[in-house]
Amino acid sequence: MSPLVPHLPYAVPAVLLALALALKTPTFVRAWKDPDVRATTLLLLLGAAVFVSVSPAGIHGINTATGVPNIAAPWVYSLLTAFCGSCLAMVVTWRDEPSPRRSRAIRRIWLIYTGTVVALWITFLLADVPSERVHDLDTYYACEPWMRWHILLYLLAHMVSALVAAYLIWTWISRVRDTWLKAGLVFLQAGYAFGLVFDIAKFAAVGARWTGTDWDWLSTRLAPPFAILDATLVGIGFIVPQAGPFLEKWTRDRISFHRLRALESVLRAVGPSAAPARVGRFAPLDLRLLQRRQRIHDGLLRLAPLLDEDVRQRSYDTARAVGHDERTARGVAGAITVRAALAAGRTPSPRAPEDRGTEPARPTDPARPTDPVRIGGDEDEIEAISRVFHRARIIDPVRRRVIPEESMSTHV
């Protein structure tokens, strides 16, 4: 087996949490004064640090770099304890509305877990642990007086945070209506359940050592996979409610940006946009989408005097009659009207009657409004127009019924 294989399970959650931290960094830079942003960033930072440190290679590297056998124990357990406190504080932050009571609860959590971290270092410094143990430190030193308390402290801190957080979520989740938040809470509950299995396995292995029994396999083989699942699912649980809405909006914007390309392209012939500043292809998607929408609105505004309300209404009625749904019918009607207006804009100025041969003049309907027609009153209609603009199999059957054959050539 490759020497890298045993470390891969630790790398997966570390990379996941580090990636989430990297994605969160711009938000932290912009809104570092926001307590929720700071708390989330700290949680992700602690989680990533735990898994960078807790792998066998990480533990050995810390011990070797400092020259102190097993110094990685208080380092890793302190990070884990701080991570547990951060998770519990985050659950309280999400669950309760801002209030003095919530602030007191969060301060109490940090005081307790800060005190636990201090106690971890004190008990380690008083312990006699001269032999480096990378895989089985908890059971190997379970009977050493001060190390015993060191081990119990981090296990109790982990178990208490899991039980309290799970209880808070259990009494709250039924009232949650936000889909992404509820999904995150489900991940958290699953993570805490695996964390309790880790704690039970560790306590059983350490307790067995106290009675002279060897159940070390519970600590060295059974517990680590559950610890990895615990931290991974808890990390995902805190990431999902924040990353989910962002990814949902990004996907929606990406789809809209793609759908509007056809309409923006054809409206370039109308004239330059009122907002001519160019946005690079690597600019934020929402900025590029905003510019594309602005260009389309500017083009439709310039085209407004040539838009024919009668053509649009008949196109809509025909599209509905042939079976298109409301949204598609609006798109087809708008696309036919825009194409007709573009064609009219390319038509030369009217010539004298003697030069026009026998071409009949189009009658003017006195009941037709004289104000310019506005198309694209909402973003949904604009997307619908753009989606069908070049789809001849959808537009042509409607257009042939609406625009007379003798004028078809001027409306292609």
Protein backbone atom coordinates (compact mmCIF):
# COMPACT_ATOMS: atom_id res chain seq x y z
CA MET A 1 0.00 0.00 0.00
CA SER A 2 1.26 3.50 -0.83
CA PRO A 3 2.37 5.47 2.23
CA LEU A 4 0.01 8.25 1.10
CA VAL A 5 -3.12 6.10 1.29
CA PRO A 6 -3.56 6.19 5.11
CA HIS A 7 -3.43 9.99 5.03
CA LEU A 8 -6.02 10.49 2.25
CA PRO A 9 -9.08 10.26 4.57
CA TYR A 10 -7.68 13.17 6.60
CA ALA A 11 -6.87 15.17 3.47
CA VAL A 12 -10.42 15.08 2.09
CA PRO A 13 -12.09 17.07 4.92
CA ALA A 14 -9.03 19.31 5.20
CA VAL A 15 -9.25 20.23 1.49
CA LEU A 16 -13.03 20.66 1.73
CA LEU A 17 -12.78 23.02 4.69
CA ALA A 18 -9.81 24.89 3.20
CA LEU A 19 -11.73 25.39 -0.06
CA ALA A 20 -14.74 26.70 1.84
CA LEU A 21 -12.41 29.02 3.75
CA ALA A 22 -10.89 30.30 0.50
CA LEU A 23 -14.35 30.99 -0.92
CA LYS A 24 -15.32 32.77 2.28
CA THR A 25 -12.21 34.96 2.40
CA PRO A 26 -13.53 37.71 0.04
CA THR A 27 -16.66 38.00 2.20
CA PHE A 28 -14.52 38.19 5.32
CA VAL A 29 -12.40 40.96 3.79
CA ARG A 30 -15.51 42.96 2.84
CA ALA A 31 -17.52 42.36 6.03
CA TRP A 32 -15.04 41.41 8.73
CA LYS A 33 -16.98 43.49 11.27
CA ASP A 34 -20.02 41.21 10.90
CA PRO A 35 -19.99 38.80 13.90
CA ASP A 36 -21.57 36.00 11.85
CA VAL A 37 -18.94 36.33 9.12
CA ARG A 38 -16.13 36.30 11.67
CA ALA A 39 -17.61 33.27 13.45
CA THR A 40 -18.00 31.30 10.21
CA THR A 41 -14.47 32.14 9.08
CA LEU A 42 -13.04 31.09 12.45
CA LEU A 43 -14.98 27.83 12.36
CA LEU A 44 -13.67 26.93 8.90
CA LEU A 45 -10.14 27.94 9.83
CA LEU A 46 -10.18 25.78 12.98
CA GLY A 47 -11.71 22.82 11.12
CA ALA A 48 -9.09 22.94 8.38
CA ALA A 49 -6.31 23.30 10.96
CA VAL A 50 -7.56 20.24 12.86
CA PHE A 51 -7.33 17.97 9.85
CA VAL A 52 -4.02 19.36 8.67
CA SER A 53 -2.61 18.55 12.10
CA VAL A 54 -4.39 15.31 13.04
CA SER A 55 -3.06 13.00 10.33
CA PRO A 56 -0.24 10.66 11.39
CA ALA A 57 2.20 12.61 9.23
CA GLY A 58 1.01 15.89 10.73
CA ILE A 59 1.36 14.61 14.29
CA HIS A 60 4.86 13.29 13.68
CA GLY A 61 5.84 16.50 11.89
CA ILE A 62 4.73 18.68 14.83
CA ASN A 63 6.59 16.49 17.32
CA THR A 64 9.73 16.50 15.20
CA ALA A 65 9.67 20.21 14.45
CA THR A 66 9.37 21.16 18.13
CA GLY A 67 11.60 18.42 19.49
CA VAL A 68 9.01 17.67 22.20
CA PRO A 69 7.58 14.13 22.16
CA ASN A 70 3.78 14.15 21.84
CA ILE A 71 3.47 17.96 21.85
CA ALA A 72 1.06 17.38 18.96
CA ALA A 73 -1.45 16.02 21.50
CA PRO A 74 -2.30 19.32 23.24
CA TRP A 75 -1.97 21.15 19.91
CA VAL A 76 -4.47 18.93 18.08
CA TYR A 77 -6.79 18.55 21.06
CA SER A 78 -6.79 22.30 21.62
CA LEU A 79 -7.73 22.92 17.99
CA LEU A 80 -10.42 20.25 18.21
CA THR A 81 -11.80 21.74 21.44
CA ALA A 82 -11.84 25.24 19.93
CA PHE A 83 -13.57 23.83 16.84
CA CYS A 84 -16.22 22.22 19.05
CA GLY A 85 -16.79 25.49 20.88
CA SER A 86 -17.00 27.36 17.58
CA CYS A 87 -19.58 24.88 16.25
CA LEU A 88 -21.70 25.20 19.38
CA ALA A 89 -21.50 29.00 19.26
CA MET A 90 -22.50 28.97 15.59
CA VAL A 91 -25.57 26.81 16.29
CA VAL A 92 -26.64 29.23 19.01
CA THR A 93 -26.06 32.16 16.63
CA TRP A 94 -28.22 30.59 13.93
CA ARG A 95 -30.92 29.38 16.31
CA ASP A 96 -31.56 32.45 18.45
CA GLU A 97 -32.37 36.01 17.45
CA PRO A 98 -29.80 38.67 18.41
CA SER A 99 -30.33 39.50 22.06
CA PRO A 100 -28.38 40.03 25.30
CA ARG A 101 -29.34 36.46 26.24
CA ARG A 102 -27.76 35.06 23.06
CA SER A 103 -24.64 37.16 23.57
CA ARG A 104 -24.30 35.87 27.14
CA ALA A 105 -24.71 32.27 25.98
CA ILE A 106 -22.00 32.66 23.33
CA ARG A 107 -19.64 34.32 25.80
CA ARG A 108 -20.27 31.48 28.27
CA ILE A 109 -19.44 28.91 25.60
CA TRP A 110 -16.15 30.61 24.75
CA LEU A 111 -15.20 30.98 28.40
CA ILE A 112 -15.81 27.29 29.06
CA TYR A 113 -13.93 26.10 25.99
CA THR A 114 -11.08 28.56 26.47
CA GLY A 115 -10.73 27.28 30.01
CA THR A 116 -10.69 23.72 28.66
CA VAL A 117 -7.88 24.58 26.24
CA VAL A 118 -5.83 26.10 29.08
CA ALA A 119 -6.44 22.98 31.19
CA LEU A 120 -5.31 20.77 28.30
CA TRP A 121 -1.94 22.49 28.17
CA ILE A 122 -1.53 22.44 31.95
CA THR A 123 -2.28 18.72 32.23
CA PHE A 124 0.05 17.92 29.33
CA LEU A 125 2.93 19.91 30.84
CA LEU A 126 2.46 18.06 34.14
CA ALA A 127 2.26 14.65 32.46
CA ASP A 128 5.18 12.31 31.88
CA VAL A 129 4.92 11.23 28.21
CA PRO A 130 8.48 10.66 26.97
CA SER A 131 7.73 8.14 24.21
CA GLU A 132 6.15 9.43 20.98
CA ARG A 133 2.87 7.70 20.18
CA VAL A 134 1.42 8.67 16.84
CA HIS A 135 -1.47 6.21 16.61
CA ASP A 136 -2.31 5.07 20.15
CA LEU A 137 -1.45 7.90 22.52
CA ASP A 138 -4.88 7.88 24.22
CA THR A 139 -4.72 4.25 25.25
CA TYR A 140 -0.94 4.00 25.73
CA TYR A 141 -0.93 6.83 28.30
CA ALA A 142 -4.48 6.25 29.63
CA CYS A 143 -3.17 5.34 33.08
CA GLU A 144 -0.57 8.11 33.39
CA PRO A 145 -2.04 10.39 36.15
CA TRP A 146 -2.03 13.78 34.42
CA MET A 147 -2.38 12.46 30.89
CA ARG A 148 -5.51 10.66 31.99
CA TRP A 149 -7.15 14.01 32.74
CA HIS A 150 -5.76 15.47 29.54
CA ILE A 151 -7.50 12.77 27.50
CA LEU A 152 -10.75 12.98 29.48
CA LEU A 153 -10.88 16.74 29.07
CA TYR A 154 -10.83 16.74 25.27
CA LEU A 155 -13.24 13.81 25.02
CA LEU A 156 -15.71 15.44 27.42
CA ALA A 157 -15.46 18.77 25.60
CA HIS A 158 -16.16 17.02 22.30
CA MET A 159 -19.06 14.96 23.66
CA VAL A 160 -20.72 17.87 25.47
CA SER A 161 -20.60 20.08 22.38
CA ALA A 162 -22.09 17.29 20.24
CA LEU A 163 -24.89 16.55 22.71
CA VAL A 164 -25.81 20.18 23.35
CA ALA A 165 -25.65 21.16 19.67
CA ALA A 166 -27.69 18.10 18.65
CA TYR A 167 -30.32 18.94 21.28
CA LEU A 168 -30.54 22.57 20.16
CA ILE A 169 -30.92 21.51 16.53
CA TRP A 170 -33.48 18.81 17.37
CA THR A 171 -35.75 21.30 19.15
CA TRP A 172 -35.34 23.87 16.37
CA ILE A 173 -35.26 22.08 13.02
CA SER A 174 -39.04 21.60 12.76
CA ARG A 175 -39.50 25.39 12.75
CA VAL A 176 -36.94 26.01 10.01
CA ARG A 177 -38.45 26.88 6.63
CA ASP A 178 -35.32 27.79 4.68
CA THR A 179 -34.38 24.77 2.50
CA TRP A 180 -30.64 25.34 2.58
CA LEU A 181 -30.54 25.93 6.33
CA LYS A 182 -32.58 22.79 6.97
CA ALA A 183 -30.23 20.76 4.75
CA GLY A 184 -27.28 22.11 6.71
CA LEU A 185 -28.91 21.13 10.00
CA VAL A 186 -29.48 17.59 8.73
CA PHE A 187 -25.76 17.31 7.92
CA LEU A 188 -24.94 18.66 11.37
CA GLN A 189 -27.15 16.12 13.10
CA ALA A 190 -25.57 13.28 11.14
CA GLY A 191 -22.10 14.60 11.94
CA TYR A 192 -22.83 14.85 15.65
CA ALA A 193 -24.22 11.31 15.65
CA PHE A 194 -20.95 9.99 14.18
CA GLY A 195 -19.07 12.14 16.69
CA LEU A 196 -20.85 10.45 19.57
CA VAL A 197 -19.82 7.05 18.20
CA PHE A 198 -16.23 8.34 18.18
CA ASP A 199 -16.53 9.48 21.80
CA ILE A 200 -18.07 6.21 22.97
CA ALA A 201 -15.37 4.17 21.25
CA LYS A 202 -12.62 6.31 22.78
CA PHE A 203 -14.14 6.22 26.27
CA ALA A 204 -14.55 2.45 26.06
CA ALA A 205 -10.94 1.93 24.97
CA VAL A 206 -9.55 4.24 27.67
CA GLY A 207 -11.82 2.75 30.34
CA ALA A 208 -10.71 -0.74 29.36
CA ARG A 209 -7.10 0.31 29.94
CA TRP A 210 -8.03 1.45 33.46
CA THR A 211 -9.35 -2.03 34.22
CA GLY A 212 -6.37 -3.79 32.68
CA THR A 213 -8.20 -4.82 29.47
CA ASP A 214 -6.91 -4.21 25.96
CA TRP A 215 -9.61 -2.71 23.74
CA ASP A 216 -7.17 -0.46 21.93
CA TRP A 217 -8.66 -1.34 18.54
CA LEU A 218 -11.72 0.73 19.46
CA SER A 219 -9.49 3.80 19.72
CA THR A 220 -7.02 3.13 16.91
CA ARG A 221 -9.25 1.51 14.27
CA LEU A 222 -12.93 2.15 14.97
CA ALA A 223 -12.88 5.73 16.27
CA PRO A 224 -10.81 7.54 13.57
CA PRO A 225 -13.22 6.92 10.64
CA PHE A 226 -16.12 8.23 12.73
CA ALA A 227 -14.08 11.29 13.68
CA ILE A 228 -13.45 11.98 10.00
CA LEU A 229 -17.13 11.56 9.15
CA ASP A 230 -18.06 13.74 12.11
CA ALA A 231 -15.89 16.70 11.16
CA THR A 232 -16.62 16.36 7.43
CA LEU A 233 -20.40 16.36 7.88
CA VAL A 234 -20.29 19.12 10.47
CA GLY A 235 -18.14 21.20 8.12
CA ILE A 236 -20.58 20.58 5.27
CA GLY A 237 -23.46 21.41 7.60
CA PHE A 238 -22.06 24.86 8.26
CA ILE A 239 -21.04 25.43 4.64
CA VAL A 240 -24.30 24.44 2.92
CA PRO A 241 -26.58 27.21 4.31
CA GLN A 242 -24.11 29.83 3.10
CA ALA A 243 -22.72 28.26 -0.07
CA GLY A 244 -26.10 26.91 -1.21
CA PRO A 245 -27.82 30.25 -1.88
CA PHE A 246 -24.64 31.58 -3.50
CA LEU A 247 -24.39 28.58 -5.86
CA GLU A 248 -28.12 28.75 -6.58
CA LYS A 249 -27.86 32.41 -7.59
CA TRP A 250 -24.67 31.78 -9.57
CA THR A 251 -26.36 28.97 -11.51
CA ARG A 252 -29.43 31.10 -12.17
CA ASP A 253 -27.26 34.00 -13.36
CA ARG A 254 -25.18 31.69 -15.56
CA ILE A 255 -28.32 30.32 -17.24
CA SER A 256 -29.72 33.83 -17.73
CA PHE A 257 -26.42 35.08 -19.13
CA HIS A 258 -26.39 32.26 -21.68
CA ARG A 259 -30.04 32.67 -22.63
CA LEU A 260 -29.73 36.42 -23.24
CA ARG A 261 -26.81 36.09 -25.64
CA ALA A 262 -28.96 35.68 -28.76
CA LEU A 263 -31.08 38.78 -28.13
CA GLU A 264 -28.07 40.92 -27.20
CA SER A 265 -26.34 39.84 -30.40
CA VAL A 266 -29.15 40.87 -32.74
CA LEU A 267 -29.79 44.16 -30.95
CA ARG A 268 -26.22 45.31 -31.51
CA ALA A 269 -27.36 46.43 -34.97
CA VAL A 270 -29.68 49.00 -33.39
CA GLY A 271 -26.82 51.06 -32.00
CA PRO A 272 -24.32 51.22 -29.15
CA SER A 273 -25.46 50.83 -25.57
CA ALA A 274 -25.92 53.84 -23.34
CA ALA A 275 -23.46 52.11 -20.99
CA PRO A 276 -20.53 51.50 -23.34
CA ALA A 277 -18.00 50.52 -20.64
CA ARG A 278 -16.64 47.09 -21.43
CA VAL A 279 -16.58 44.41 -18.77
CA GLY A 280 -13.91 41.75 -19.15
CA ARG A 281 -14.79 38.09 -19.51
CA PHE A 282 -13.20 37.43 -16.11
CA ALA A 283 -15.30 40.07 -14.35
CA PRO A 284 -17.86 38.81 -11.79
CA LEU A 285 -20.75 37.03 -13.45
CA ASP A 286 -23.40 39.26 -11.89
CA LEU A 287 -21.65 42.34 -13.34
CA ARG A 288 -21.45 40.81 -16.82
CA LEU A 289 -25.12 39.79 -16.60
CA LEU A 290 -26.09 43.30 -15.54
CA GLN A 291 -24.27 44.78 -18.54
CA ARG A 292 -25.88 42.30 -20.94
CA ARG A 293 -29.33 43.17 -19.62
CA GLN A 294 -28.54 46.88 -19.90
CA ARG A 295 -27.50 46.49 -23.53
CA ILE A 296 -30.72 44.62 -24.32
CA HIS A 297 -32.88 47.26 -22.62
CA ASP A 298 -31.06 50.04 -24.47
CA GLY A 299 -31.54 48.22 -27.78
CA LEU A 300 -35.25 47.65 -27.16
CA LEU A 301 -35.67 51.28 -26.16
CA ARG A 302 -34.15 52.46 -29.45
CA LEU A 303 -36.29 49.97 -31.35
CA ALA A 304 -39.52 50.96 -29.58
CA PRO A 305 -40.84 53.33 -32.32
CA LEU A 306 -40.73 50.45 -34.83
CA LEU A 307 -42.39 47.82 -32.63
CA ASP A 308 -45.87 46.89 -33.83
CA GLU A 309 -48.38 46.14 -31.07
CA ASP A 310 -50.78 44.57 -33.54
CA VAL A 311 -48.10 42.11 -34.70
CA ARG A 312 -47.22 41.25 -31.11
CA GLN A 313 -50.81 40.68 -30.02
CA ARG A 314 -51.67 38.53 -33.04
CA SER A 315 -48.44 36.59 -32.62
CA TYR A 316 -49.25 35.94 -28.98
CA ASP A 317 -52.82 34.84 -29.74
CA THR A 318 -51.62 32.55 -32.52
CA ALA A 319 -48.87 31.04 -30.37
CA ARG A 320 -51.41 30.25 -27.66
CA ALA A 321 -53.80 28.84 -30.23
CA VAL A 322 -51.21 26.38 -31.54
CA GLY A 323 -50.52 25.10 -28.04
CA HIS A 324 -47.61 27.08 -26.60
CA ASP A 325 -47.67 27.88 -22.89
CA GLU A 326 -47.91 31.42 -21.57
CA ARG A 327 -44.17 32.02 -21.25
CA THR A 328 -43.27 30.57 -24.64
CA ALA A 329 -46.12 32.46 -26.32
CA ARG A 330 -44.85 35.74 -24.89
CA GLY A 331 -41.37 34.88 -26.11
CA VAL A 332 -42.56 33.99 -29.60
CA ALA A 333 -44.67 37.16 -29.83
CA GLY A 334 -41.79 39.33 -28.68
CA ALA A 335 -39.28 37.65 -31.00
CA ILE A 336 -41.52 38.05 -34.06
CA THR A 337 -42.21 41.68 -33.18
CA VAL A 338 -38.51 42.46 -32.66
CA ARG A 339 -37.51 40.71 -35.90
CA ALA A 340 -40.16 42.64 -37.80
CA ALA A 341 -38.95 45.91 -36.27
CA LEU A 342 -35.34 45.12 -37.12
CA ALA A 343 -36.36 44.37 -40.70
CA ALA A 344 -38.35 47.61 -40.85
CA GLY A 345 -35.32 49.49 -39.60
CA ARG A 346 -33.22 48.09 -42.44
CA THR A 347 -35.85 48.97 -45.08
CA PRO A 348 -34.93 52.08 -47.19
CA SER A 349 -36.96 55.25 -46.80
CA PRO A 350 -40.29 55.21 -48.72
CA ARG A 351 -40.00 56.18 -52.37
CA ALA A 352 -42.38 58.23 -54.44
CA PRO A 353 -45.61 56.46 -55.44
CA GLU A 354 -44.56 56.19 -59.07
CA ASP A 355 -41.37 54.35 -58.02
CA ARG A 356 -43.17 51.81 -55.88
CA GLY A 357 -44.94 50.11 -58.74
CA THR A 358 -48.17 48.44 -57.71
CA GLU A 359 -47.14 47.76 -54.08
CA PRO A 360 -50.26 48.48 -52.03
CA ALA A 361 -50.00 50.81 -49.07
CA ARG A 362 -50.70 49.24 -45.71
CA PRO A 363 -53.91 50.59 -44.20
CA THR A 364 -53.65 52.50 -40.97
CA ASP A 365 -55.88 51.37 -38.15
CA PRO A 366 -57.16 54.50 -36.39
CA ALA A 367 -57.77 52.46 -33.26
CA ARG A 368 -54.10 51.45 -32.96
CA PRO A 369 -52.18 53.29 -30.26
CA THR A 370 -49.62 55.78 -31.47
CA ASP A 371 -47.31 55.48 -28.44
CA PRO A 372 -44.21 53.34 -28.87
CA VAL A 373 -44.63 49.71 -27.85
CA ARG A 374 -42.44 48.49 -24.99
CA ILE A 375 -41.23 44.90 -25.07
CA GLY A 376 -39.34 43.27 -22.28
CA GLY A 377 -41.24 44.71 -19.36
CA ASP A 378 -39.66 42.11 -17.09
CA GLU A 379 -36.57 39.94 -17.15
CA ASP A 380 -38.59 36.78 -17.62
CA GLU A 381 -40.07 38.06 -20.88
CA ILE A 382 -36.67 39.13 -22.17
CA GLU A 383 -35.25 35.65 -21.49
CA ALA A 384 -38.25 34.05 -23.18
CA ILE A 385 -37.72 36.21 -26.29
CA SER A 386 -34.01 35.46 -26.43
CA ARG A 387 -34.53 31.70 -25.99
CA VAL A 388 -36.76 31.37 -29.06
CA PHE A 389 -35.21 34.08 -31.23
CA HIS A 390 -33.29 31.71 -33.51
CA ARG A 391 -35.54 28.66 -33.11
CA ALA A 392 -37.20 28.64 -36.52
CA ARG A 393 -39.31 25.56 -35.85
CA ILE A 394 -41.08 27.45 -33.06
CA ILE A 395 -41.29 30.92 -34.59
CA ASP A 396 -41.91 30.23 -38.29
CA PRO A 397 -45.30 28.46 -37.99
CA VAL A 398 -46.64 31.38 -35.95
CA ARG A 399 -45.02 34.04 -38.14
CA ARG A 400 -46.49 32.57 -41.34
CA ARG A 401 -49.97 32.94 -39.88
CA VAL A 402 -49.41 36.47 -38.61
CA ILE A 403 -47.39 38.18 -41.35
CA PRO A 404 -48.86 38.08 -44.89
CA GLU A 405 -46.91 36.08 -47.46
CA GLU A 406 -46.40 39.09 -49.67
CA SER A 407 -44.58 40.94 -46.87
CA MET A 408 -42.74 37.92 -45.49
CA SER A 409 -39.52 38.83 -47.26
CA THR A 410 -39.30 42.10 -45.33
CA HIS A 411 -39.76 40.40 -41.96
CA VAL A 412 -37.25 37.57 -42.08
